Amino acid sequence: MNAPTPAQTADVQVAAGSSLRLNARAVALLLIALAVMLLAIAPLRGYLDERGQLADLEKQAAVLERQNQTLQERIDRLSDATFLERIARECMGMVKPGETAFVVVPAHGKPDPPDC
């Protein structure tokens, strides 16, 4: 077998040295990338939390809009004189002056109250 010449030994050492230097650079780069990722976690978590809260608030706003619409429809109905008169007659038993009120009592006794 041939023993390695001093020139070949120097080439191996240079190659090994450059390989170590490249590995050290790779490790340093990896550490820097890891540090950047760790520093980015907190803002990313905050961003995702804010998106979740925004979605919840949008759902809540939609529910409130539906409730507002229902209440506005009720306001419109209660502004109608005909509707108010019907409610007064059916639910409160009111009559106009000069009218006579009649209450029909079922055979079993008490009358059922109207749905008001």
N, C-alpha and C. Protein backbone atom coordinates (compact mmCIF):
# COMPACT_ATOMS: atom_id res chain seq x y z
N MET A 1 0.82 -1.17 0.00
CA MET A 1 0.00 0.00 0.00
C MET A 1 0.86 1.23 0.00
N ASN A 2 0.25 2.22 -0.59
CA ASN A 2 0.99 3.48 -0.67
C ASN A 2 0.66 4.36 0.51
N ALA A 3 1.63 4.90 1.11
CA ALA A 3 1.42 5.82 2.22
C ALA A 3 1.09 7.19 1.64
N PRO A 4 0.20 7.96 2.30
CA PRO A 4 -0.15 9.27 1.74
C PRO A 4 1.05 10.20 1.79
N THR A 5 1.18 10.96 0.75
CA THR A 5 2.27 11.92 0.66
C THR A 5 1.93 13.12 1.50
N PRO A 6 2.90 13.92 1.86
CA PRO A 6 2.62 15.10 2.68
C PRO A 6 1.66 16.06 1.97
N ALA A 7 1.67 16.15 0.67
CA ALA A 7 0.78 17.05 -0.05
C ALA A 7 -0.66 16.56 0.08
N GLN A 8 -0.83 15.23 -0.01
CA GLN A 8 -2.18 14.68 0.12
C GLN A 8 -2.69 14.88 1.55
N THR A 9 -1.81 14.74 2.54
CA THR A 9 -2.19 14.95 3.93
C THR A 9 -2.63 16.38 4.15
N ALA A 10 -1.97 17.34 3.56
CA ALA A 10 -2.31 18.76 3.69
C ALA A 10 -3.67 19.02 3.05
N ASP A 11 -3.95 18.36 1.91
CA ASP A 11 -5.25 18.54 1.25
C ASP A 11 -6.39 18.03 2.14
N VAL A 12 -6.17 16.90 2.79
CA VAL A 12 -7.19 16.33 3.67
C VAL A 12 -7.43 17.25 4.85
N GLN A 13 -6.36 17.82 5.41
CA GLN A 13 -6.50 18.71 6.56
C GLN A 13 -7.22 20.00 6.15
N VAL A 14 -6.91 20.53 4.97
CA VAL A 14 -7.57 21.74 4.50
C VAL A 14 -9.04 21.45 4.26
N ALA A 15 -9.32 20.31 3.65
CA ALA A 15 -10.71 19.94 3.39
C ALA A 15 -11.45 19.75 4.70
N ALA A 16 -10.84 19.12 5.68
CA ALA A 16 -11.48 18.91 6.97
C ALA A 16 -11.68 20.24 7.68
N GLY A 17 -10.73 21.12 7.59
CA GLY A 17 -10.83 22.44 8.22
C GLY A 17 -11.94 23.26 7.59
N SER A 18 -12.04 23.24 6.26
CA SER A 18 -13.09 24.02 5.61
C SER A 18 -14.46 23.40 5.89
N SER A 19 -14.48 22.08 6.05
CA SER A 19 -15.73 21.41 6.36
C SER A 19 -16.21 21.81 7.76
N LEU A 20 -15.29 21.90 8.71
CA LEU A 20 -15.64 22.32 10.06
C LEU A 20 -16.09 23.77 10.08
N ARG A 21 -15.43 24.59 9.30
CA ARG A 21 -15.80 25.99 9.25
C ARG A 21 -17.20 26.14 8.63
N LEU A 22 -17.50 25.34 7.63
CA LEU A 22 -18.81 25.37 7.02
C LEU A 22 -19.86 24.87 8.01
N ASN A 23 -19.53 23.84 8.76
CA ASN A 23 -20.46 23.34 9.76
C ASN A 23 -20.67 24.37 10.87
N ALA A 24 -19.66 25.06 11.27
CA ALA A 24 -19.79 26.09 12.29
C ALA A 24 -20.67 27.22 11.77
N ARG A 25 -20.52 27.57 10.52
CA ARG A 25 -21.37 28.60 9.91
C ARG A 25 -22.82 28.12 9.84
N ALA A 26 -22.99 26.86 9.50
CA ALA A 26 -24.33 26.31 9.40
C ALA A 26 -24.99 26.30 10.78
N VAL A 27 -24.24 25.95 11.80
CA VAL A 27 -24.78 25.94 13.16
C VAL A 27 -25.13 27.37 13.59
N ALA A 28 -24.25 28.31 13.29
CA ALA A 28 -24.52 29.71 13.65
C ALA A 28 -25.76 30.21 12.91
N LEU A 29 -25.86 29.89 11.65
CA LEU A 29 -27.03 30.30 10.86
C LEU A 29 -28.30 29.64 11.41
N LEU A 30 -28.18 28.39 11.78
CA LEU A 30 -29.31 27.68 12.36
C LEU A 30 -29.74 28.31 13.68
N LEU A 31 -28.77 28.68 14.51
CA LEU A 31 -29.08 29.32 15.79
C LEU A 31 -29.74 30.68 15.57
N ILE A 32 -29.26 31.42 14.60
CA ILE A 32 -29.86 32.73 14.30
C ILE A 32 -31.29 32.55 13.79
N ALA A 33 -31.49 31.58 12.90
CA ALA A 33 -32.84 31.32 12.39
C ALA A 33 -33.77 30.88 13.51
N LEU A 34 -33.27 30.06 14.41
CA LEU A 34 -34.06 29.61 15.55
C LEU A 34 -34.42 30.78 16.47
N ALA A 35 -33.48 31.68 16.70
CA ALA A 35 -33.74 32.85 17.54
C ALA A 35 -34.80 33.75 16.89
N VAL A 36 -34.71 33.93 15.58
CA VAL A 36 -35.70 34.75 14.88
C VAL A 36 -37.08 34.11 14.98
N MET A 37 -37.14 32.80 14.83
CA MET A 37 -38.43 32.11 14.94
C MET A 37 -38.99 32.23 16.35
N LEU A 38 -38.14 32.10 17.36
CA LEU A 38 -38.60 32.23 18.74
C LEU A 38 -39.11 33.64 19.02
N LEU A 39 -38.45 34.63 18.45
CA LEU A 39 -38.88 36.02 18.65
C LEU A 39 -40.16 36.31 17.89
N ALA A 40 -40.44 35.56 16.84
CA ALA A 40 -41.65 35.78 16.03
C ALA A 40 -42.86 35.07 16.61
N ILE A 41 -42.68 34.18 17.56
CA ILE A 41 -43.81 33.41 18.10
C ILE A 41 -44.79 34.32 18.85
N ALA A 42 -44.29 35.20 19.70
CA ALA A 42 -45.17 36.06 20.49
C ALA A 42 -46.04 36.96 19.61
N PRO A 43 -45.47 37.66 18.65
CA PRO A 43 -46.34 38.48 17.79
C PRO A 43 -47.32 37.64 16.97
N LEU A 44 -46.89 36.47 16.54
CA LEU A 44 -47.77 35.61 15.77
C LEU A 44 -48.93 35.12 16.63
N ARG A 45 -48.64 34.75 17.86
CA ARG A 45 -49.69 34.31 18.77
C ARG A 45 -50.67 35.46 19.03
N GLY A 46 -50.14 36.65 19.24
CA GLY A 46 -51.01 37.82 19.44
C GLY A 46 -51.88 38.09 18.23
N TYR A 47 -51.31 37.96 17.05
CA TYR A 47 -52.07 38.17 15.81
C TYR A 47 -53.20 37.15 15.69
N LEU A 48 -52.91 35.90 15.97
CA LEU A 48 -53.94 34.86 15.88
C LEU A 48 -55.03 35.06 16.93
N ASP A 49 -54.64 35.49 18.13
CA ASP A 49 -55.63 35.77 19.17
C ASP A 49 -56.54 36.93 18.75
N GLU A 50 -55.96 37.96 18.17
CA GLU A 50 -56.74 39.10 17.72
C GLU A 50 -57.70 38.70 16.60
N ARG A 51 -57.26 37.83 15.71
CA ARG A 51 -58.15 37.36 14.64
C ARG A 51 -59.32 36.59 15.22
N GLY A 52 -59.06 35.78 16.24
CA GLY A 52 -60.13 35.04 16.90
C GLY A 52 -61.12 35.97 17.58
N GLN A 53 -60.61 36.99 18.26
CA GLN A 53 -61.49 37.95 18.91
C GLN A 53 -62.30 38.73 17.88
N LEU A 54 -61.67 39.05 16.76
CA LEU A 54 -62.38 39.78 15.71
C LEU A 54 -63.52 38.94 15.15
N ALA A 55 -63.29 37.66 14.95
CA ALA A 55 -64.35 36.78 14.46
C ALA A 55 -65.49 36.70 15.47
N ASP A 56 -65.16 36.60 16.76
CA ASP A 56 -66.19 36.56 17.80
C ASP A 56 -66.99 37.86 17.82
N LEU A 57 -66.31 38.99 17.68
CA LEU A 57 -67.01 40.27 17.69
C LEU A 57 -67.90 40.43 16.46
N GLU A 58 -67.46 39.91 15.32
CA GLU A 58 -68.28 39.98 14.11
C GLU A 58 -69.55 39.14 14.28
N LYS A 59 -69.42 37.96 14.91
CA LYS A 59 -70.61 37.14 15.18
C LYS A 59 -71.55 37.87 16.13
N GLN A 60 -70.99 38.48 17.16
CA GLN A 60 -71.79 39.21 18.14
C GLN A 60 -72.49 40.39 17.47
N ALA A 61 -71.80 41.07 16.58
CA ALA A 61 -72.40 42.20 15.86
C ALA A 61 -73.56 41.72 14.98
N ALA A 62 -73.41 40.56 14.35
CA ALA A 62 -74.49 40.03 13.51
C ALA A 62 -75.72 39.69 14.36
N VAL A 63 -75.49 39.12 15.55
CA VAL A 63 -76.61 38.80 16.46
C VAL A 63 -77.30 40.09 16.89
N LEU A 64 -76.52 41.10 17.23
CA LEU A 64 -77.10 42.37 17.66
C LEU A 64 -77.87 43.05 16.52
N GLU A 65 -77.38 42.92 15.31
CA GLU A 65 -78.09 43.49 14.16
C GLU A 65 -79.45 42.82 13.99
N ARG A 66 -79.50 41.49 14.14
CA ARG A 66 -80.78 40.78 14.04
C ARG A 66 -81.73 41.22 15.16
N GLN A 67 -81.20 41.37 16.37
CA GLN A 67 -82.02 41.83 17.49
C GLN A 67 -82.54 43.24 17.23
N ASN A 68 -81.70 44.11 16.71
CA ASN A 68 -82.12 45.47 16.39
C ASN A 68 -83.22 45.46 15.34
N GLN A 69 -83.08 44.60 14.35
CA GLN A 69 -84.10 44.51 13.30
C GLN A 69 -85.43 44.05 13.88
N THR A 70 -85.38 43.04 14.77
CA THR A 70 -86.60 42.54 15.42
C THR A 70 -87.25 43.64 16.25
N LEU A 71 -86.44 44.37 17.00
CA LEU A 71 -86.97 45.45 17.83
C LEU A 71 -87.54 46.58 16.97
N GLN A 72 -86.90 46.87 15.86
CA GLN A 72 -87.40 47.92 14.97
C GLN A 72 -88.75 47.51 14.38
N GLU A 73 -88.91 46.24 14.04
CA GLU A 73 -90.20 45.75 13.54
C GLU A 73 -91.27 45.87 14.61
N ARG A 74 -90.89 45.59 15.85
CA ARG A 74 -91.85 45.73 16.95
C ARG A 74 -92.24 47.18 17.16
N ILE A 75 -91.27 48.08 17.05
CA ILE A 75 -91.56 49.51 17.17
C ILE A 75 -92.52 49.93 16.07
N ASP A 76 -92.29 49.45 14.86
CA ASP A 76 -93.17 49.79 13.74
C ASP A 76 -94.59 49.29 13.99
N ARG A 77 -94.72 48.06 14.51
CA ARG A 77 -96.05 47.51 14.81
C ARG A 77 -96.74 48.33 15.89
N LEU A 78 -95.98 48.68 16.94
CA LEU A 78 -96.58 49.44 18.05
C LEU A 78 -96.90 50.88 17.67
N SER A 79 -96.39 51.34 16.57
CA SER A 79 -96.71 52.68 16.08
C SER A 79 -98.01 52.68 15.27
N ASP A 80 -98.51 51.50 14.93
CA ASP A 80 -99.73 51.37 14.14
C ASP A 80 -100.94 51.42 15.08
N ALA A 81 -101.87 52.36 14.83
CA ALA A 81 -103.03 52.56 15.69
C ALA A 81 -103.95 51.33 15.68
N THR A 82 -104.09 50.68 14.55
CA THR A 82 -104.94 49.50 14.45
C THR A 82 -104.40 48.37 15.32
N PHE A 83 -103.11 48.17 15.27
CA PHE A 83 -102.49 47.13 16.09
C PHE A 83 -102.66 47.43 17.57
N LEU A 84 -102.46 48.70 17.94
CA LEU A 84 -102.60 49.09 19.35
C LEU A 84 -104.04 48.88 19.83
N GLU A 85 -105.01 49.20 18.98
CA GLU A 85 -106.40 48.99 19.37
C GLU A 85 -106.69 47.51 19.58
N ARG A 86 -106.19 46.66 18.69
CA ARG A 86 -106.40 45.22 18.82
C ARG A 86 -105.78 44.70 20.12
N ILE A 87 -104.57 45.15 20.42
CA ILE A 87 -103.90 44.73 21.66
C ILE A 87 -104.71 45.19 22.86
N ALA A 88 -105.18 46.43 22.84
CA ALA A 88 -105.95 46.97 23.96
C ALA A 88 -107.23 46.17 24.17
N ARG A 89 -107.90 45.80 23.08
CA ARG A 89 -109.16 45.06 23.21
C ARG A 89 -108.92 43.61 23.64
N GLU A 90 -107.96 42.93 22.99
CA GLU A 90 -107.76 41.50 23.26
C GLU A 90 -107.02 41.24 24.56
N CYS A 91 -105.98 41.98 24.81
CA CYS A 91 -105.11 41.68 25.95
C CYS A 91 -105.54 42.40 27.23
N MET A 92 -106.07 43.59 27.09
CA MET A 92 -106.39 44.37 28.27
C MET A 92 -107.88 44.46 28.54
N GLY A 93 -108.67 43.93 27.62
CA GLY A 93 -110.11 43.94 27.81
C GLY A 93 -110.74 45.32 27.74
N MET A 94 -110.11 46.23 27.08
CA MET A 94 -110.63 47.60 26.99
C MET A 94 -111.72 47.68 25.91
N VAL A 95 -112.63 48.61 26.11
CA VAL A 95 -113.69 48.87 25.14
C VAL A 95 -113.79 50.37 24.93
N LYS A 96 -114.37 50.76 23.80
CA LYS A 96 -114.60 52.18 23.53
C LYS A 96 -115.81 52.64 24.35
N PRO A 97 -115.87 53.92 24.62
CA PRO A 97 -117.03 54.43 25.36
C PRO A 97 -118.32 54.09 24.61
N GLY A 98 -119.28 53.59 25.34
CA GLY A 98 -120.57 53.23 24.77
C GLY A 98 -120.65 51.78 24.33
N GLU A 99 -119.53 51.06 24.26
CA GLU A 99 -119.55 49.65 23.89
C GLU A 99 -119.77 48.80 25.14
N THR A 100 -120.30 47.62 24.92
CA THR A 100 -120.50 46.68 26.02
C THR A 100 -119.56 45.50 25.82
N ALA A 101 -118.81 45.15 26.84
CA ALA A 101 -117.85 44.05 26.75
C ALA A 101 -118.52 42.75 27.15
N PHE A 102 -118.27 41.72 26.38
CA PHE A 102 -118.77 40.38 26.70
C PHE A 102 -117.58 39.45 26.84
N VAL A 103 -117.63 38.60 27.83
CA VAL A 103 -116.60 37.60 28.03
C VAL A 103 -117.27 36.24 27.94
N VAL A 104 -116.80 35.43 27.01
CA VAL A 104 -117.34 34.10 26.84
C VAL A 104 -116.56 33.16 27.76
N VAL A 105 -117.28 32.54 28.67
CA VAL A 105 -116.64 31.64 29.63
C VAL A 105 -116.86 30.21 29.14
N PRO A 106 -115.78 29.44 28.99
CA PRO A 106 -115.94 28.06 28.54
C PRO A 106 -116.68 27.22 29.59
N ALA A 107 -117.13 26.07 29.18
CA ALA A 107 -117.91 25.19 30.06
C ALA A 107 -117.09 24.71 31.25
N HIS A 108 -115.80 24.56 31.09
CA HIS A 108 -114.96 24.05 32.16
C HIS A 108 -114.58 25.11 33.19
N GLY A 109 -115.01 26.32 33.02
CA GLY A 109 -114.75 27.31 34.06
C GLY A 109 -113.99 28.52 33.55
N LYS A 110 -112.74 28.65 33.95
CA LYS A 110 -111.94 29.84 33.66
C LYS A 110 -111.64 29.98 32.17
N PRO A 111 -111.71 31.21 31.66
CA PRO A 111 -111.32 31.41 30.25
C PRO A 111 -109.81 31.41 30.13
N ASP A 112 -109.32 30.98 28.97
CA ASP A 112 -107.87 31.01 28.71
C ASP A 112 -107.45 32.43 28.42
N PRO A 113 -106.36 32.90 29.03
CA PRO A 113 -105.91 34.26 28.75
C PRO A 113 -105.37 34.34 27.31
N PRO A 114 -105.54 35.50 26.68
CA PRO A 114 -105.03 35.65 25.32
C PRO A 114 -103.50 35.68 25.31
N ASP A 115 -102.92 35.34 24.18
CA ASP A 115 -101.45 35.38 24.03
C ASP A 115 -101.02 36.80 23.70
N CYS A 116 -100.55 37.50 24.70
CA CYS A 116 -100.13 38.89 24.48
C CYS A 116 -98.70 39.07 24.89
